[in-house]
N, C-alpha and C. Protein backbone atom coordinates (compact mmCIF):
# COMPACT_ATOMS: atom_id res chain seq x y z
N MET A 1 -48.11 83.16 108.16
CA MET A 1 -46.95 83.19 108.96
C MET A 1 -47.43 83.78 110.21
N ILE A 2 -46.96 83.21 111.43
CA ILE A 2 -47.27 83.41 112.68
C ILE A 2 -46.22 84.72 113.15
N LYS A 3 -46.75 85.80 113.44
CA LYS A 3 -45.89 86.90 113.88
C LYS A 3 -45.81 87.13 115.36
N GLY A 4 -46.64 86.56 116.11
CA GLY A 4 -46.67 86.83 117.66
C GLY A 4 -47.63 85.96 118.32
N ILE A 5 -47.35 85.70 119.51
CA ILE A 5 -48.22 84.72 120.34
C ILE A 5 -48.13 85.37 121.71
N GLY A 6 -49.19 85.45 122.49
CA GLY A 6 -49.16 85.97 123.77
C GLY A 6 -50.27 85.48 124.59
N THR A 7 -50.07 85.42 125.82
CA THR A 7 -51.12 84.93 126.86
C THR A 7 -50.91 85.54 128.20
N ASP A 8 -52.04 85.61 128.85
CA ASP A 8 -52.06 86.30 130.31
C ASP A 8 -52.99 85.63 131.06
N ILE A 9 -52.95 85.67 132.32
CA ILE A 9 -53.96 85.27 133.20
C ILE A 9 -54.13 86.39 134.29
N VAL A 10 -55.40 86.50 134.71
CA VAL A 10 -55.79 87.74 135.58
C VAL A 10 -56.59 87.17 136.76
N LYS A 11 -56.49 87.52 137.93
CA LYS A 11 -57.42 87.23 139.03
C LYS A 11 -58.70 88.11 139.07
N VAL A 12 -59.79 87.52 138.85
CA VAL A 12 -61.06 88.39 138.76
C VAL A 12 -61.23 89.29 139.93
N SER A 13 -61.00 88.80 141.16
CA SER A 13 -61.27 89.42 142.44
C SER A 13 -60.32 90.73 142.55
N ARG A 14 -59.25 90.82 141.77
CA ARG A 14 -58.35 91.99 141.80
C ARG A 14 -58.91 93.21 140.92
N MET A 15 -59.96 93.03 140.21
CA MET A 15 -60.47 94.04 139.22
C MET A 15 -61.30 95.07 139.92
N ASN A 16 -61.05 96.29 139.54
CA ASN A 16 -61.87 97.45 140.23
C ASN A 16 -62.08 98.46 139.05
N THR A 17 -62.93 99.56 139.51
CA THR A 17 -63.24 100.63 138.63
C THR A 17 -62.11 101.38 138.09
N ASP A 18 -61.19 101.68 138.89
CA ASP A 18 -59.94 102.36 138.44
C ASP A 18 -59.28 101.73 137.22
N ILE A 19 -59.17 100.33 137.35
CA ILE A 19 -58.64 99.54 136.22
C ILE A 19 -59.43 99.66 135.04
N ALA A 20 -60.77 99.67 135.24
CA ALA A 20 -61.62 99.70 134.06
C ALA A 20 -61.55 101.07 133.33
N LYS A 21 -61.36 102.19 134.05
CA LYS A 21 -61.24 103.52 133.32
C LYS A 21 -59.88 103.69 132.73
N ARG A 22 -58.93 102.86 133.22
CA ARG A 22 -57.68 102.95 132.53
C ARG A 22 -57.50 102.30 131.27
N ILE A 23 -58.17 101.02 131.16
CA ILE A 23 -57.87 100.00 130.11
C ILE A 23 -59.03 99.87 128.97
N LEU A 24 -60.30 100.27 129.42
CA LEU A 24 -61.29 100.02 128.52
C LEU A 24 -61.49 101.16 127.55
N SER A 25 -61.77 100.74 126.21
CA SER A 25 -62.23 101.88 125.27
C SER A 25 -63.65 102.40 125.71
N LYS A 26 -64.05 103.47 125.10
CA LYS A 26 -65.26 103.97 125.49
C LYS A 26 -66.50 103.15 125.42
N SER A 27 -66.54 102.32 124.27
CA SER A 27 -67.79 101.50 124.18
C SER A 27 -67.59 100.16 125.06
N GLU A 28 -66.40 99.75 125.46
CA GLU A 28 -66.23 98.72 126.47
C GLU A 28 -66.67 99.24 127.90
N LEU A 29 -66.21 100.46 128.06
CA LEU A 29 -66.60 101.10 129.46
C LEU A 29 -68.09 101.20 129.71
N ASP A 30 -68.75 101.66 128.59
CA ASP A 30 -70.25 101.72 128.65
C ASP A 30 -70.82 100.27 128.71
N LYS A 31 -70.36 99.33 128.21
CA LYS A 31 -70.79 97.88 128.48
C LYS A 31 -70.62 97.50 129.84
N TYR A 32 -69.33 97.80 130.17
CA TYR A 32 -69.00 97.37 131.69
C TYR A 32 -69.89 98.04 132.74
N GLN A 33 -70.25 99.42 132.53
CA GLN A 33 -71.12 100.09 133.26
C GLN A 33 -72.60 99.63 133.22
N GLY A 34 -72.91 98.93 132.20
CA GLY A 34 -74.24 98.52 132.02
C GLY A 34 -74.55 97.27 132.79
N PHE A 35 -73.51 96.52 133.33
CA PHE A 35 -73.87 95.15 134.03
C PHE A 35 -74.22 95.64 135.36
N SER A 36 -75.29 95.01 135.96
CA SER A 36 -75.81 95.31 137.24
C SER A 36 -74.98 94.58 138.34
N SER A 37 -74.40 93.48 138.02
CA SER A 37 -73.68 92.69 139.06
C SER A 37 -72.31 93.13 139.17
N ASP A 38 -71.90 93.31 140.35
CA ASP A 38 -70.30 93.64 140.53
C ASP A 38 -69.54 92.46 140.10
N GLN A 39 -69.99 91.15 140.24
CA GLN A 39 -69.23 90.02 139.81
C GLN A 39 -69.18 89.90 138.40
N ARG A 40 -70.13 90.29 137.60
CA ARG A 40 -70.07 90.22 136.26
C ARG A 40 -69.29 91.34 135.70
N LYS A 41 -69.23 92.55 136.37
CA LYS A 41 -68.44 93.68 135.95
C LYS A 41 -66.78 93.11 136.02
N SER A 42 -66.64 92.46 137.15
CA SER A 42 -65.23 92.14 137.45
C SER A 42 -64.84 91.07 136.48
N GLU A 43 -65.61 90.16 136.08
CA GLU A 43 -65.41 89.04 135.23
C GLU A 43 -65.17 89.55 133.71
N PHE A 44 -65.82 90.49 133.31
CA PHE A 44 -65.76 91.23 132.17
C PHE A 44 -64.48 92.02 132.11
N LEU A 45 -64.32 92.66 132.93
CA LEU A 45 -62.95 93.55 133.12
C LEU A 45 -61.65 92.64 133.14
N ALA A 46 -61.84 91.38 133.97
CA ALA A 46 -60.70 90.55 134.05
C ALA A 46 -60.42 90.05 132.60
N GLY A 47 -61.42 89.62 131.95
CA GLY A 47 -61.16 89.08 130.47
C GLY A 47 -60.67 90.05 129.54
N ARG A 48 -61.21 91.19 129.65
CA ARG A 48 -60.70 92.46 128.69
C ARG A 48 -59.21 92.69 129.15
N PHE A 49 -58.89 92.67 130.32
CA PHE A 49 -57.41 92.93 130.79
C PHE A 49 -56.61 91.91 130.35
N ALA A 50 -57.04 90.63 130.57
CA ALA A 50 -56.19 89.46 130.12
C ALA A 50 -55.80 89.32 128.75
N ILE A 51 -56.87 89.78 127.81
CA ILE A 51 -56.73 89.66 126.38
C ILE A 51 -55.98 90.83 125.78
N LYS A 52 -56.01 92.01 126.43
CA LYS A 52 -55.22 93.16 125.97
C LYS A 52 -53.68 92.94 126.52
N GLU A 53 -53.49 92.25 127.65
CA GLU A 53 -52.08 91.98 128.09
C GLU A 53 -51.54 90.93 127.09
N ALA A 54 -52.35 89.88 126.62
CA ALA A 54 -51.84 88.90 125.73
C ALA A 54 -51.66 89.64 124.27
N ILE A 55 -52.39 90.54 123.82
CA ILE A 55 -52.12 91.14 122.62
C ILE A 55 -50.92 91.92 122.71
N SER A 56 -50.71 92.73 123.87
CA SER A 56 -49.44 93.52 124.02
C SER A 56 -48.15 92.61 123.97
N LYS A 57 -48.29 91.39 124.77
CA LYS A 57 -47.07 90.46 124.59
C LYS A 57 -46.91 90.02 123.25
N ALA A 58 -47.93 89.67 122.42
CA ALA A 58 -47.76 89.21 121.15
C ALA A 58 -47.26 90.23 120.28
N LEU A 59 -47.45 91.53 120.60
CA LEU A 59 -47.06 92.70 119.68
C LEU A 59 -45.65 93.22 120.11
N SER A 60 -44.99 92.49 120.93
CA SER A 60 -43.75 93.02 121.61
C SER A 60 -42.56 93.22 120.51
N HIS A 61 -42.79 92.79 119.25
CA HIS A 61 -41.79 93.01 118.09
C HIS A 61 -41.97 94.24 117.46
N ILE A 62 -43.12 94.98 117.65
CA ILE A 62 -43.20 96.20 117.02
C ILE A 62 -42.87 97.37 117.91
N ASP A 63 -42.41 98.53 117.39
CA ASP A 63 -41.78 99.52 118.17
C ASP A 63 -42.65 100.77 118.09
N PHE A 64 -43.89 100.63 118.23
CA PHE A 64 -44.75 101.81 118.61
C PHE A 64 -45.64 101.34 119.74
N ALA A 65 -45.89 102.29 120.56
CA ALA A 65 -46.80 102.05 121.69
C ALA A 65 -48.29 102.26 121.46
N LEU A 66 -49.06 101.40 121.91
CA LEU A 66 -50.38 101.53 122.04
C LEU A 66 -51.06 101.48 123.50
N SER A 67 -51.92 102.27 123.86
CA SER A 67 -52.53 102.23 125.23
C SER A 67 -53.69 101.12 125.09
N PHE A 68 -53.87 100.53 126.27
CA PHE A 68 -54.94 99.54 126.20
C PHE A 68 -56.32 100.05 125.89
N ASN A 69 -56.65 101.39 126.13
CA ASN A 69 -57.99 101.83 125.70
C ASN A 69 -57.94 102.00 124.09
N GLU A 70 -56.98 101.91 123.45
CA GLU A 70 -56.91 101.91 121.93
C GLU A 70 -57.31 100.50 121.26
N LEU A 71 -57.17 99.59 122.13
CA LEU A 71 -57.42 98.25 121.77
C LEU A 71 -58.85 97.88 122.09
N GLU A 72 -59.71 97.69 121.29
CA GLU A 72 -61.22 97.48 121.62
C GLU A 72 -61.51 95.97 121.17
N ILE A 73 -61.93 95.43 122.08
CA ILE A 73 -62.46 93.90 121.83
C ILE A 73 -63.86 93.92 121.81
N LYS A 74 -64.33 93.37 120.69
CA LYS A 74 -65.74 93.31 120.57
C LYS A 74 -66.00 91.63 120.37
N ASN A 75 -67.42 91.29 120.42
CA ASN A 75 -67.64 89.84 120.04
C ASN A 75 -68.51 89.77 118.87
N ASN A 76 -68.34 88.61 118.16
CA ASN A 76 -69.17 88.42 116.84
C ASN A 76 -70.53 87.75 117.34
N GLU A 77 -71.30 87.31 116.42
CA GLU A 77 -72.55 86.82 116.70
C GLU A 77 -72.48 85.52 117.39
N PHE A 78 -71.29 84.88 117.45
CA PHE A 78 -71.04 83.71 118.11
C PHE A 78 -70.38 83.74 119.63
N GLY A 79 -70.19 85.01 119.84
CA GLY A 79 -69.46 85.32 121.03
C GLY A 79 -68.04 85.32 121.14
N GLN A 80 -67.36 85.02 119.77
CA GLN A 80 -65.97 85.01 119.69
C GLN A 80 -65.39 86.42 119.61
N PRO A 81 -64.35 86.63 120.58
CA PRO A 81 -63.94 88.12 120.60
C PRO A 81 -62.88 88.34 119.33
N TYR A 82 -63.00 89.51 118.90
CA TYR A 82 -62.12 90.06 117.94
C TYR A 82 -61.62 91.52 118.32
N LEU A 83 -60.64 91.98 117.60
CA LEU A 83 -59.96 93.16 117.97
C LEU A 83 -60.23 94.21 116.97
N VAL A 84 -60.66 95.48 117.35
CA VAL A 84 -60.87 96.57 116.63
C VAL A 84 -59.90 97.59 116.88
N CYS A 85 -58.87 97.90 115.89
CA CYS A 85 -57.75 98.84 116.20
C CYS A 85 -57.33 99.52 114.97
N ASP A 86 -57.43 100.62 114.54
CA ASP A 86 -57.07 101.21 113.26
C ASP A 86 -55.63 100.97 112.99
N LYS A 87 -54.75 101.09 114.00
CA LYS A 87 -53.42 101.08 113.82
C LYS A 87 -52.81 99.62 113.45
N LEU A 88 -53.72 98.68 113.49
CA LEU A 88 -53.20 97.35 113.40
C LEU A 88 -54.03 96.51 112.46
N LYS A 89 -54.23 97.15 111.29
CA LYS A 89 -55.04 96.59 110.14
C LYS A 89 -54.30 95.56 109.20
N ASN A 90 -52.91 95.65 109.30
CA ASN A 90 -52.21 94.66 108.45
C ASN A 90 -51.94 93.38 109.03
N ASP A 91 -52.49 92.95 110.18
CA ASP A 91 -52.26 91.62 110.84
C ASP A 91 -53.74 91.08 110.97
N ARG A 92 -53.77 89.83 111.10
CA ARG A 92 -54.80 89.05 111.55
C ARG A 92 -54.78 88.50 113.02
N PHE A 93 -55.67 88.86 113.90
CA PHE A 93 -55.57 88.51 115.32
C PHE A 93 -56.65 87.45 115.61
N SER A 94 -56.10 86.28 116.17
CA SER A 94 -56.96 85.24 116.62
C SER A 94 -56.85 85.32 118.14
N LEU A 95 -58.25 85.61 118.60
CA LEU A 95 -58.36 85.79 120.12
C LEU A 95 -59.21 84.81 120.89
N SER A 96 -58.81 84.49 122.14
CA SER A 96 -59.57 83.61 122.98
C SER A 96 -59.52 84.20 124.35
N ILE A 97 -60.79 84.22 125.08
CA ILE A 97 -60.99 84.69 126.37
C ILE A 97 -61.57 83.54 127.11
N SER A 98 -61.07 83.03 128.36
CA SER A 98 -61.89 82.09 129.07
C SER A 98 -61.94 82.44 130.54
N HIS A 99 -62.90 81.94 131.30
CA HIS A 99 -63.02 82.20 132.56
C HIS A 99 -63.23 80.98 133.43
N GLU A 100 -62.47 80.74 134.49
CA GLU A 100 -62.83 79.65 135.38
C GLU A 100 -62.56 80.05 136.87
N SER A 101 -63.53 79.89 137.64
CA SER A 101 -63.51 80.28 139.02
C SER A 101 -63.04 81.72 139.16
N ASP A 102 -61.97 82.16 139.84
CA ASP A 102 -61.50 83.50 140.27
C ASP A 102 -60.57 84.02 138.98
N TYR A 103 -60.38 83.30 137.92
CA TYR A 103 -59.40 83.64 136.96
C TYR A 103 -59.91 83.85 135.57
N ALA A 104 -59.32 84.73 134.88
CA ALA A 104 -59.66 84.95 133.40
C ALA A 104 -58.29 84.74 132.60
N ILE A 105 -58.45 84.15 131.43
CA ILE A 105 -57.27 83.90 130.60
C ILE A 105 -57.37 84.59 129.25
N GLY A 106 -56.31 85.25 128.75
CA GLY A 106 -56.55 85.68 127.31
C GLY A 106 -55.29 85.09 126.49
N PHE A 107 -55.68 84.62 125.31
CA PHE A 107 -54.60 84.14 124.27
C PHE A 107 -54.84 84.88 122.89
N CYS A 108 -53.55 85.14 122.47
CA CYS A 108 -53.56 85.77 121.05
C CYS A 108 -52.56 85.30 120.12
N ILE A 109 -52.93 85.10 118.89
CA ILE A 109 -52.08 84.73 117.89
C ILE A 109 -52.22 85.63 116.83
N ILE A 110 -51.06 86.33 116.24
CA ILE A 110 -51.06 87.25 115.25
C ILE A 110 -50.54 86.59 114.09
N GLU A 111 -51.07 86.76 112.92
CA GLU A 111 -50.60 86.29 111.61
C GLU A 111 -50.62 87.41 110.64
N ASP A 112 -49.88 87.32 109.76
CA ASP A 112 -49.82 88.23 108.68
C ASP A 112 -51.02 88.13 107.78
N ALA A 113 -51.67 89.19 107.67
CA ALA A 113 -53.06 89.29 106.89
C ALA A 113 -52.86 89.03 105.48
N ASN A 114 -51.63 89.40 104.92
CA ASN A 114 -51.47 89.37 103.45
C ASN A 114 -51.10 88.07 102.89
N LEU A 115 -51.17 86.94 103.74
CA LEU A 115 -50.76 85.63 103.29
C LEU A 115 -51.98 84.84 102.91
């Protein structure tokens, strides 16, 4: 059963280090700081911001707050993003992040993990 759907689009050129410090988990921030290119940093940050906004929108039905730095996005061996968050273990999250030109989009579907 689908419990939530969320999507968001972010302009890559609007991303900056202040946003990174506010929304990224510790390991995401380490990865972000490891990129040598400012463009790659902005693309990474825009993707993470878009997917975390999409997750937040999909979670609008729950009544506890999570900060974006509590939502950690990792990638599996095929590059597919997945969510790591101890507070959200009872749901299955399907995530997608895409980039095109100066935009990044995040899409999230939440399903009951017990079905």
